[in-house]
Structures are given as structure tokens and as C-alpha cells.
């Protein structure tokens, strides 16, 4: 990283590593999120933690190493602005990071929060790059990273920084829509399949239970609109589907919607029954012929 003072290079290094881990977090969320629920993995939590650690390290380098050594008021003000931005990003990242530890599943999709954080980190890096020539003249030393800069590790980190900038820049310019968040990239888990299979069985059992209600109330042979099972299957199935979509999440949501749509599918049976009833309906009886009485004059007198 030519054109950088030691201390500012350390800030750039940590910001670039934060950018790398933020990009990895985005990629994992794209696989782990489906609809409004994300199944957060341990790997995603580790990447998110790494973003926080590097943001904190960049902030500490600025406050502890660089700012105390500066004398130019203009440069100090610019670096304080950058420091405030990094602190703001870190605080926002902390809120997002806490969501990953709220349980195995996160209700609200944190993908868009992470995308915003990644873009902000990228923006701060560009500001640091703009300030680098001015900082090089100051030759501020950094006791924490001097070994990195004089070792093979420092050369490797420099290559990582350059590579990560290009990679994340490409990712940021390839937007992912809401419909792509796991819906097209993430297959159903074995647990999801089990929940759906069990819910299908429950839904099927519910339709037989509703038929038993018809038998108990002597309504099995009545018209469709007079059977309790008709309203239980259609009304209950529709209500359960709506409640599942709007008030539940995770496996509970999947089970409720599956059961509701299963009983609601009885609409097909009711439609076929109605069509058969119309097809076999007896023809309407013909109107009786009117009696005709001949005029009196036509009656023969015997």
C-alpha cells in the first residue's frame, strides 16, 4: 500500500478486513434467509464478529495512535470525522450482530442492514485513501503494526486488501432482490420437509373430523351450504393460513399454512360435487295442458 503512513495503513488494513468479512456475511445471509426468516449459522456469527473486531481496531488506531501525534488542525478535523463515521458503523453493526444471537432463527431479514453497513465501510475506505497523501508527509508511526509492515505478513495483507477491495466492489454492484434472498438459492431443509409432511397429515385428518361432525349433526346429505364441514374446511383453512402468514414464524408458520391450505383444498371437491349435481338434475316437469271446453252450440243433442 504505497503512499500510506504506517498508522494510516493499519487503519486501512482493518477497514479492508472488515469489508471482507462483511461481504462474507452477506453471502451467507443470501443462502440462509428465506422470506422473512433467517436460519443463522455459526459461520455467519463468526464473520459478523470479525466485522466488529476490525471496526473496533480501526477506531482504536485512529484514537490511540494517529490523532495524538497529529499537529495539523485541518487533518485532525478530517480524521475525527472519519473516526465518528467508523464509530457510527460499529454501533450499527453491533445492533445487527445482536440479531444473529437472538436464537437459531431471526424473524427480520438482516441482509439489507448488512448491505448498508458494507457500503458504508467501502465509503470510509475511499475517504481514507483520499487522505493518505497528506498523512504520508506526517510519517506517523504505529507501534501496533510495525511488525506487519516489515514482514512477509505485511506484504500478504497488502495483497489481501487490494484483492478484497476489487471483490467486494463487484459484489456491491450486483444487487440482490428480496425474491433472491434464499428463495432461489436455499433448498428446504430436512426439518422443513418433516414439518410439511406432518402438517399435511394433520390437515387430512382434520377434513375427516369435519365429516364426522356432519354425521353427528345429520347433515351429511344436506346441500353444501348447510353442512358444518363446508364452513370448517373453507373458513377454518383460510383463517389458519392468514394467521400463519401474518402472526407466526419459522416451523409454526410453515405448519399452519400447510394445514390451512390442505383443508382449503376441499374447494376442489365441493366444486366437482356441485358440477355433478347440476349434470344429473332431473328435467323440470312440463306444464299441465289447459282443459278445453267446447262451445255449447257444438254439443250434439241426443
Foldseek 3Di string as FASTA:
>chain_A
DPLAFALLVLLLLLLLLLLLLLVVLLVVQLAQDDQQKGQFDPSSLVSLVSNLVSLVRSLCSLVPFPLVLDDDPVLNVLSVVLSVLSVVLSVLSVVLSVQSVPDRMRRGRCSVSSLVSSVSSLVSSVSSVVCSNVNVVSNGHDPVCPVLCVDVNVVVSVVSSVVSNVVSVVVNVDDDDSCSRNVVNYDDDPVLVVLLVVLLVVLVVVLVVQCVVCVVVVNNPPQLVPRSSNCCLQVVLVVQLVCLVPPHDDSSSSSSNSSSVNSNVCVVVNVVVVVVCVVPPDDDDDDDDDDDDDDPVPDDDD
